[in-house]
Each structure stands twice: as C-alpha cells, then as structure tokens.
Protein backbone atom coordinates (compact mmCIF):
# COMPACT_ATOMS: atom_id res chain seq x y z
CA MET A 1 0.00 0.00 0.00
CA LYS A 2 1.18 3.51 -0.84
CA ILE A 3 0.06 6.39 1.39
CA LEU A 4 0.59 10.10 0.76
CA ILE A 5 0.15 12.71 3.51
CA ARG A 6 -0.12 16.44 2.78
CA LEU A 7 1.45 18.10 5.80
CA PRO A 8 0.35 21.48 7.23
CA ASN A 9 1.90 24.79 6.23
CA TRP A 10 3.37 26.07 9.52
CA LEU A 11 6.38 24.78 11.47
CA GLY A 12 4.52 24.07 14.70
CA ASP A 13 1.69 22.30 12.88
CA VAL A 14 4.14 20.17 10.90
CA VAL A 15 5.83 19.09 14.13
CA MET A 16 2.46 18.23 15.69
CA SER A 17 1.53 16.22 12.59
CA THR A 18 4.34 13.76 13.34
CA ALA A 19 1.93 12.09 15.78
CA PHE A 20 -0.45 11.55 12.84
CA ILE A 21 2.34 10.00 10.77
CA ASN A 22 3.23 7.68 13.65
CA ALA A 23 -0.43 6.70 13.97
CA VAL A 24 -0.65 5.91 10.24
CA ARG A 25 2.40 3.70 10.63
CA GLN A 26 0.71 1.89 13.53
CA LEU A 27 -2.40 1.11 11.49
CA TYR A 28 -0.57 0.34 8.25
CA PRO A 29 2.77 -1.17 9.33
CA GLY A 30 3.68 -2.44 5.86
CA ALA A 31 2.75 0.69 3.94
CA SER A 32 5.07 3.03 2.09
CA ILE A 33 4.49 6.53 3.51
CA ASP A 34 5.32 9.68 1.53
CA VAL A 35 4.64 13.31 2.45
CA ILE A 36 4.12 16.65 0.73
CA ILE A 37 5.61 19.62 2.58
CA LYS A 38 6.35 23.27 1.84
CA LYS A 39 9.85 23.58 0.43
CA GLU A 40 10.84 26.02 3.19
CA LEU A 41 10.05 23.37 5.82
CA GLY A 42 11.67 20.45 4.03
CA GLY A 43 14.47 20.22 6.58
CA ILE A 44 11.98 19.17 9.24
CA ALA A 45 10.62 16.32 7.13
CA LYS A 46 14.13 14.84 7.06
CA LEU A 47 13.90 14.47 10.84
CA ILE A 48 10.66 12.45 10.71
CA PRO A 49 11.51 8.75 10.95
CA GLY A 50 10.21 6.16 8.52
CA LEU A 51 9.29 8.29 5.50
CA ASN A 52 9.82 6.79 2.07
CA HIS A 53 9.84 10.00 0.00
CA ILE A 54 9.46 13.73 0.60
CA HIS A 55 7.73 15.83 -2.08
CA LEU A 56 8.73 19.51 -1.75
CA PHE A 57 6.05 22.01 -2.80
CA SER A 58 6.87 25.65 -3.56
CA LYS A 59 4.18 28.30 -4.04
CA GLN A 60 6.71 30.34 -6.01
CA GLU A 61 7.24 27.51 -8.50
CA TYR A 62 3.58 26.41 -8.59
CA SER A 63 1.56 29.59 -8.03
CA GLY A 64 -2.21 29.82 -7.84
CA LEU A 65 -4.74 27.03 -8.20
CA GLY A 66 -3.37 26.22 -11.65
CA GLY A 67 0.08 25.63 -10.21
CA VAL A 68 -1.33 23.54 -7.37
CA TYR A 69 -3.23 21.42 -9.88
CA SER A 70 -0.09 20.91 -11.98
CA PHE A 71 1.88 19.81 -8.93
CA GLY A 72 -0.84 17.34 -7.91
CA LYS A 73 -1.11 15.98 -11.44
CA LYS A 74 2.61 15.13 -11.42
CA LEU A 75 1.91 12.73 -8.55
CA ARG A 76 -0.48 10.55 -10.56
CA SER A 77 2.30 8.29 -11.78
CA GLN A 78 2.96 7.28 -8.17
CA GLN A 79 -0.48 5.60 -7.99
CA TYR A 80 -1.12 6.28 -4.33
CA ASP A 81 -3.85 4.30 -2.58
CA ILE A 82 -4.68 6.83 0.18
CA TYR A 83 -4.13 10.59 0.36
CA PHE A 84 -4.54 12.20 3.79
CA ASN A 85 -4.96 15.98 3.55
CA LEU A 86 -4.21 17.69 6.87
CA PRO A 87 -4.63 21.36 5.84
CA HIS A 88 -8.16 22.50 5.05
CA SER A 89 -7.61 25.08 2.32
CA LEU A 90 -9.10 25.02 -1.16
CA SER A 91 -5.65 24.81 -2.74
CA SER A 92 -4.74 21.72 -0.72
CA PHE A 93 -7.97 20.02 -1.80
CA VAL A 94 -7.28 20.85 -5.45
CA MET A 95 -3.84 19.27 -5.10
CA ALA A 96 -5.38 16.12 -3.62
CA TRP A 97 -7.98 15.92 -6.39
CA ALA A 98 -5.35 16.42 -9.11
CA SER A 99 -3.26 13.55 -7.73
CA GLY A 100 -5.90 11.06 -8.82
CA THR A 101 -5.47 9.06 -5.61
CA LYS A 102 -8.17 6.42 -5.10
CA GLN A 103 -9.08 7.53 -1.58
CA ARG A 104 -8.67 11.20 -0.73
CA LEU A 105 -9.45 12.07 2.89
CA GLY A 106 -9.63 15.33 4.80
CA PHE A 107 -11.84 17.70 6.73
CA ASN A 108 -15.09 19.04 5.31
CA LYS A 109 -13.96 22.66 4.93
CA GLU A 110 -13.37 25.04 2.00
CA GLY A 111 -14.63 22.67 -0.69
CA GLY A 112 -13.38 19.43 0.78
CA PHE A 113 -16.78 17.81 0.29
CA PHE A 114 -16.48 18.16 -3.50
CA LEU A 115 -12.81 17.39 -4.08
CA LEU A 116 -12.22 14.57 -1.62
CA THR A 117 -13.66 11.07 -1.83
CA ARG A 118 -14.50 11.25 1.90
CA SER A 119 -14.54 14.25 4.17
CA PHE A 120 -15.10 14.46 7.90
CA LYS A 121 -16.32 17.21 10.21
CA LYS A 122 -13.44 19.10 11.76
CA PRO A 123 -13.67 18.65 15.55
CA THR A 124 -13.71 21.66 17.84
CA ASN A 125 -11.91 22.34 21.12
CA LEU A 126 -9.36 19.59 20.59
CA HIS A 127 -5.62 19.86 20.74
CA ARG A 128 -4.22 20.13 17.21
CA VAL A 129 -2.56 16.70 17.53
CA ASP A 130 -5.86 15.07 18.50
CA GLU A 131 -7.62 16.97 15.73
CA TYR A 132 -5.32 15.52 13.08
CA ILE A 133 -5.53 12.00 14.50
CA SER A 134 -9.34 12.18 14.59
CA LEU A 135 -9.22 12.19 10.78
CA LEU A 136 -7.45 8.83 10.79
CA GLU A 137 -9.66 7.40 13.53
CA ASN A 138 -12.85 8.35 11.68
CA PHE A 139 -11.60 6.81 8.46
CA ALA A 140 -10.21 3.60 9.95
CA GLY A 141 -12.87 3.15 12.64
CA LYS A 142 -10.16 2.53 15.22
CA SER A 143 -8.85 4.51 18.17
CA ILE A 144 -5.21 5.55 18.40
CA ILE A 145 -3.83 5.15 21.90
CA ASP A 146 -0.14 5.83 21.42
CA LYS A 147 0.14 9.50 20.42
CA VAL A 148 3.70 10.78 20.36
CA VAL A 149 5.16 13.86 18.71
CA LYS A 150 8.75 13.00 17.83
CA LEU A 151 11.63 14.13 15.64
CA GLN A 152 15.04 12.49 15.40
CA ALA A 153 17.82 15.04 15.82
CA ASP A 154 21.40 14.28 16.81
CA ALA A 155 22.77 16.78 19.29
CA SER A 156 25.29 19.11 17.70
CA ALA A 157 28.46 20.07 19.51
CA ALA A 158 27.09 22.69 21.88
CA ILE A 159 28.68 25.02 24.41
CA LYS A 160 28.54 23.49 27.87
CA ASN A 161 25.54 24.54 29.96
CA THR A 162 23.68 26.38 27.20
CA VAL A 163 20.05 27.52 27.25
CA ILE A 164 18.38 28.32 23.92
CA ILE A 165 16.03 31.32 23.94
CA ASN A 166 13.43 32.13 21.28
CA PHE A 167 11.49 35.34 21.92
CA ASN A 168 10.13 35.54 18.35
CA SER A 169 6.76 34.66 16.85
CA GLU A 170 4.99 35.24 13.56
CA ALA A 171 2.17 36.85 15.56
CA LEU A 172 2.91 40.16 17.31
CA SER A 173 0.61 39.15 20.16
CA ARG A 174 2.86 36.16 20.92
CA ARG A 175 6.22 37.89 20.47
CA MET A 176 8.08 39.00 23.58
CA PRO A 177 7.90 42.80 24.00
CA LEU A 178 11.38 44.28 23.72
CA ASP A 179 11.65 45.88 27.16
CA LYS A 180 10.17 42.82 28.88
CA GLY A 181 12.56 40.53 27.06
CA ARG A 182 15.55 42.63 28.08
CA GLY A 183 14.43 42.51 31.71
CA ILE A 184 14.02 38.73 31.60
CA VAL A 185 17.46 38.22 30.05
CA ASN A 186 19.19 40.42 32.64
CA ALA A 187 17.45 38.48 35.41
CA LEU A 188 18.54 35.16 33.91
CA THR A 189 22.19 36.08 33.47
CA ALA A 190 22.32 37.48 37.00
CA THR A 191 20.87 34.27 38.43
CA PHE A 192 22.57 31.60 36.33
CA THR A 193 26.14 32.85 36.35
CA ASP A 194 27.79 29.90 34.56
CA THR A 195 25.16 29.54 31.82
CA THR A 196 25.41 30.70 28.20
CA PHE A 197 22.20 31.91 26.53
CA SER A 198 21.91 31.44 22.76
CA PHE A 199 19.18 33.36 20.93
CA VAL A 200 17.64 31.86 17.80
CA GLY A 201 15.30 33.04 15.07
CA SER A 202 14.83 33.29 11.34
CA PRO A 203 16.91 35.68 9.19
CA LYS A 204 14.10 38.26 9.25
CA GLU A 205 14.05 38.07 13.07
CA ALA A 206 17.78 38.74 13.46
CA ALA A 207 17.30 42.52 13.72
CA PHE A 208 14.84 42.10 16.61
CA VAL A 209 17.29 39.85 18.45
CA ASN A 210 20.12 42.34 17.84
CA GLU A 211 18.01 45.12 19.35
CA LEU A 212 17.02 42.89 22.27
CA LEU A 213 20.63 42.11 23.18
CA ALA A 214 22.13 45.57 22.67
CA GLY A 215 23.73 46.84 25.88
CA LEU A 216 22.51 44.03 28.15
CA ASP A 217 24.41 42.89 31.22
CA ASN A 218 26.80 39.92 30.98
CA ASN A 219 26.80 40.08 27.18
CA ASP A 220 29.84 37.79 27.06
CA ARG A 221 27.39 34.96 27.80
CA LEU A 222 24.82 36.03 25.20
CA GLN A 223 25.02 34.62 21.67
CA ASN A 224 22.89 35.72 18.70
CA LEU A 225 22.32 32.80 16.32
CA ALA A 226 19.23 34.26 14.62
CA GLY A 227 19.43 33.61 10.90
CA LYS A 228 22.53 31.43 11.30
CA THR A 229 20.90 27.99 11.47
CA ASN A 230 18.59 26.07 9.17
CA LEU A 231 15.75 24.02 10.65
CA LYS A 232 17.78 20.83 10.88
CA GLY A 233 20.65 22.72 12.50
CA LEU A 234 18.25 24.39 14.94
CA ALA A 235 16.84 21.01 15.97
CA GLN A 236 20.38 19.68 16.54
CA LEU A 237 21.32 22.77 18.52
CA MET A 238 18.24 22.35 20.70
CA ALA A 239 18.93 18.65 21.24
CA GLY A 240 22.35 19.54 22.66
CA SER A 241 21.14 22.25 25.04
CA LYS A 242 20.16 22.15 28.69
CA ALA A 243 16.73 23.68 28.11
CA ILE A 244 14.67 25.89 25.80
CA LEU A 245 12.90 29.08 26.87
CA THR A 246 10.50 30.15 24.16
CA THR A 247 7.38 32.04 23.26
CA ASP A 248 4.34 30.21 21.87
CA SER A 249 5.77 29.48 18.42
CA GLY A 250 7.03 26.83 16.03
CA PRO A 251 10.40 26.45 17.80
CA ALA A 252 8.53 25.55 21.01
CA HIS A 253 7.12 22.48 19.26
CA LEU A 254 10.48 21.70 17.69
CA ALA A 255 12.20 21.68 21.08
CA ASN A 256 9.49 19.53 22.64
CA ALA A 257 9.67 17.03 19.77
CA VAL A 258 13.43 16.47 20.10
CA GLY A 259 13.00 15.74 23.81
CA VAL A 260 14.70 18.74 25.43
CA PRO A 261 13.14 20.45 28.51
CA THR A 262 10.91 23.21 27.15
CA ILE A 263 9.50 26.24 28.95
CA VAL A 264 6.82 28.00 26.90
CA LEU A 265 5.60 31.54 27.63
CA PHE A 266 1.96 31.89 26.60
CA GLY A 267 0.01 35.06 25.96
CA ALA A 268 -2.60 35.31 23.21
CA GLY A 269 -2.45 31.63 22.25
CA ASN A 270 -4.60 28.91 23.81
CA GLU A 271 -2.39 26.23 25.34
CA SER A 272 -5.30 23.80 25.43
CA ASN A 273 -5.20 23.63 21.63
CA THR A 274 -1.64 24.41 20.61
CA ALA A 275 0.80 23.85 23.48
CA PRO A 276 3.62 21.40 22.76
CA TYR A 277 2.04 17.96 23.07
CA ASN A 278 4.56 15.87 25.01
CA LYS A 279 4.09 16.59 28.70
CA GLN A 280 7.43 15.24 29.91
CA GLY A 281 9.86 18.11 30.42
CA LEU A 282 7.23 20.70 29.46
CA THR A 283 6.41 23.81 31.51
CA VAL A 284 3.76 26.29 30.39
CA ILE A 285 3.80 29.75 31.97
CA ARG A 286 1.20 32.47 31.47
CA TYR A 287 0.15 35.54 33.44
CA GLY A 288 -3.46 34.41 33.61
CA LYS A 289 -5.04 37.41 35.33
CA LEU A 290 -6.40 39.36 32.36
CA ILE A 291 -9.98 38.77 31.26
CA CYS A 292 -8.86 38.84 27.63
CA GLU A 293 -6.54 35.83 28.01
CA PRO A 294 -6.29 33.99 25.70
CA CYS A 295 -7.67 36.17 22.92
CA VAL A 296 -6.18 33.98 20.12
CA ARG A 297 -5.58 37.11 18.04
CA ASN A 298 -2.44 37.88 16.09
CA THR A 299 -2.33 41.45 17.37
CA CYS A 300 -3.30 42.92 20.74
CA LYS A 301 -6.45 44.99 20.19
CA LEU A 302 -6.68 46.31 23.76
CA TYR A 303 -3.16 47.39 24.66
CA GLY A 304 -1.17 47.43 21.43
CA ILE A 305 1.82 45.75 23.04
CA PRO A 306 0.53 42.46 24.55
CA LYS A 307 0.05 43.06 28.26
CA CYS A 308 -0.28 39.31 28.85
CA MET A 309 3.38 39.01 27.86
CA GLU A 310 4.50 42.16 29.69
CA MET A 311 3.08 40.85 32.97
CA LEU A 312 4.84 37.46 32.93
CA ASP A 313 6.58 36.68 36.23
CA GLU A 314 10.39 36.51 35.95
CA ILE A 315 10.56 34.51 39.19
CA LYS A 316 8.39 31.76 37.70
CA ILE A 317 10.66 31.65 34.66
CA ILE A 318 13.79 31.45 36.82
CA ASN A 319 12.29 28.70 38.97
CA ALA A 320 11.27 26.68 35.92
CA LEU A 321 14.76 26.93 34.40
CA SER A 322 16.47 26.10 37.70
CA LEU A 323 14.97 22.59 37.56
CA HIS A 324 17.18 21.88 34.55
CA LEU A 325 20.30 23.86 35.47
CA ASN A 326 21.16 22.26 38.80
CA TYR A 327 20.19 25.31 40.80
CA ALA A 328 18.11 25.11 43.98
C-alpha cells in the first residue's frame, strides 16, 4: 500500500503532525508513507523517521490554483492508494484531487466535500494533535492510543551549559515585547552565572534579536544565532542544550519534539489547543489574570503591546529553568 500525507503549512503544525504520521504507521505497518511539505520546511521532514519519499512544494514555483493542480497531477504516476490531507484550504484540496489518488481524505472545509472522496467534520476544542488524528480514527474506525510527537535530531556540539532562547513569533501578540525581554534576560544572566544563553530566530528576526541584546548585562554569555541555522541545525542545537525558553511558536514544538526540557511563555495563544504535546519536560507559563486571556488574536487589540506578555513573572521563569540547570 502507498500512502501520501499532505502536511500542514506552519512549522509548529508540521511538528504536531508527526503524531499523525506515527499513527498511520501503527495502522498500516507495511505501507510506504510519503509526504508533501512546503519547500521552506523540508528540513523538518528529514527528521521524521520512517518516511519513504518527501515531495517539496513551492508556491513560487507552482503559483495559484493552476500551479497547485499541476503539482498534484505530477503525482499521478505514483499511484497512491490513500491521500490524507491535513490542511483544510481550497488549494490543498485541489492538489489532492489532481493527484488522482483512489481515496482522498480530509476535513469538510473550503470545498473538501467536492474534491475529496470522503470528508469528515473538523472537531472543535481539541488539541491540534488530536484533531489531526481524529481524521485517521474516523476513516479507519479505530482509536489511536499511542500518540507521540517526535523528531530524530542528533545533538550538535554545543557550548557546555547552554540555554536556547526564542522570543520571536509570527504573531505580534505572541512575540516578547522588547523591554520585557531585556528585563528577563538580565534576570537570567544574574541568576545563572555559569550559563550561556543562545538566541535563535529566522533571518528576518535577526534585527529584533540584535536590538534585544544591545547593551545588556553579561553580554559575554549572550550569543545571537538568529538567521545562522537552518531548521535541521536548529533542531540539533536544541537537542544539545540544557533547556529551551521560548514564546508560543514553532520552535517551542520543535524543542518539545526532540526531547529537550521546554518552557513556553503563553500570551494570546490557547495552550489547550496548541501547546507542545509531550508533557514530559514541558512547563507552560502564562500571566493568567487578564480577562482577555487567551484572545487567540495575532495582534493585541486592547493594549497594542501584549500586556499578557508584559506581565509574565520573571521569578516563575527562573524557577522553571532552575529545575534543569542544577540550581536550587
């Protein structure tokens, strides 16, 4: 049997979809499993164990619905038996339809009813991992018990006693405000005097990290790696670190999936739906005293700068990190 899985379009969602891939492997142990993933996220797919082939899709190379159709049509020669479509956009359904796969499965959104052979109602108020797996359970008529989000990343040679910090996010409401971030970093370097803090981010986030670190105390123990690692390299860097301190973002899921202790600072996001899935080594911290939390908006409509992030307790962050840095 040949199975094709169209993975989601965002880093965190791709990481969470690894539980779905593992579940497919449980139900179809002898199947060949291929995936479609955005070209920019292809490095993550290489860390997912047990994949037969990775199809890289680029919106720049295959633009519009016509491009999506052409990409899907190229897959017909593979003669897939089952196509699982995890996104629920019209373009993803067109790609599935163009592939000519015998059984095309996904959620009944944005035209899925017409372009899939079977579509299922998208559940509400579930964690994203459970949402994806519900698609498989509804199709197969079986429950999945073993749900694990996992990536295989070998630890790179890392500086001894390093903590990775990610204060970035695609959404402004989840990004650490500059002044708050500077205060947190100064508190951390003053408390953990033999620890190096490495800051990560995409190339477009490097300027924010530069501004964050400018003129801070103990800057000899602060390292700016934003824009200097690809996704595979970031996963390896995380795997070799003592812990990860991060905002609610894709790197939070990446850290959790490679098995490193992960402390996630939540503001606008809803941890019930999108917190890193593996509970071992996971700490979620939020302020929790504002009536607007969590608003699940990409920008803060009430305060401009997200107050839910500004009010985070540095002592809670220090205490959470101390569990992994041999400090009482």
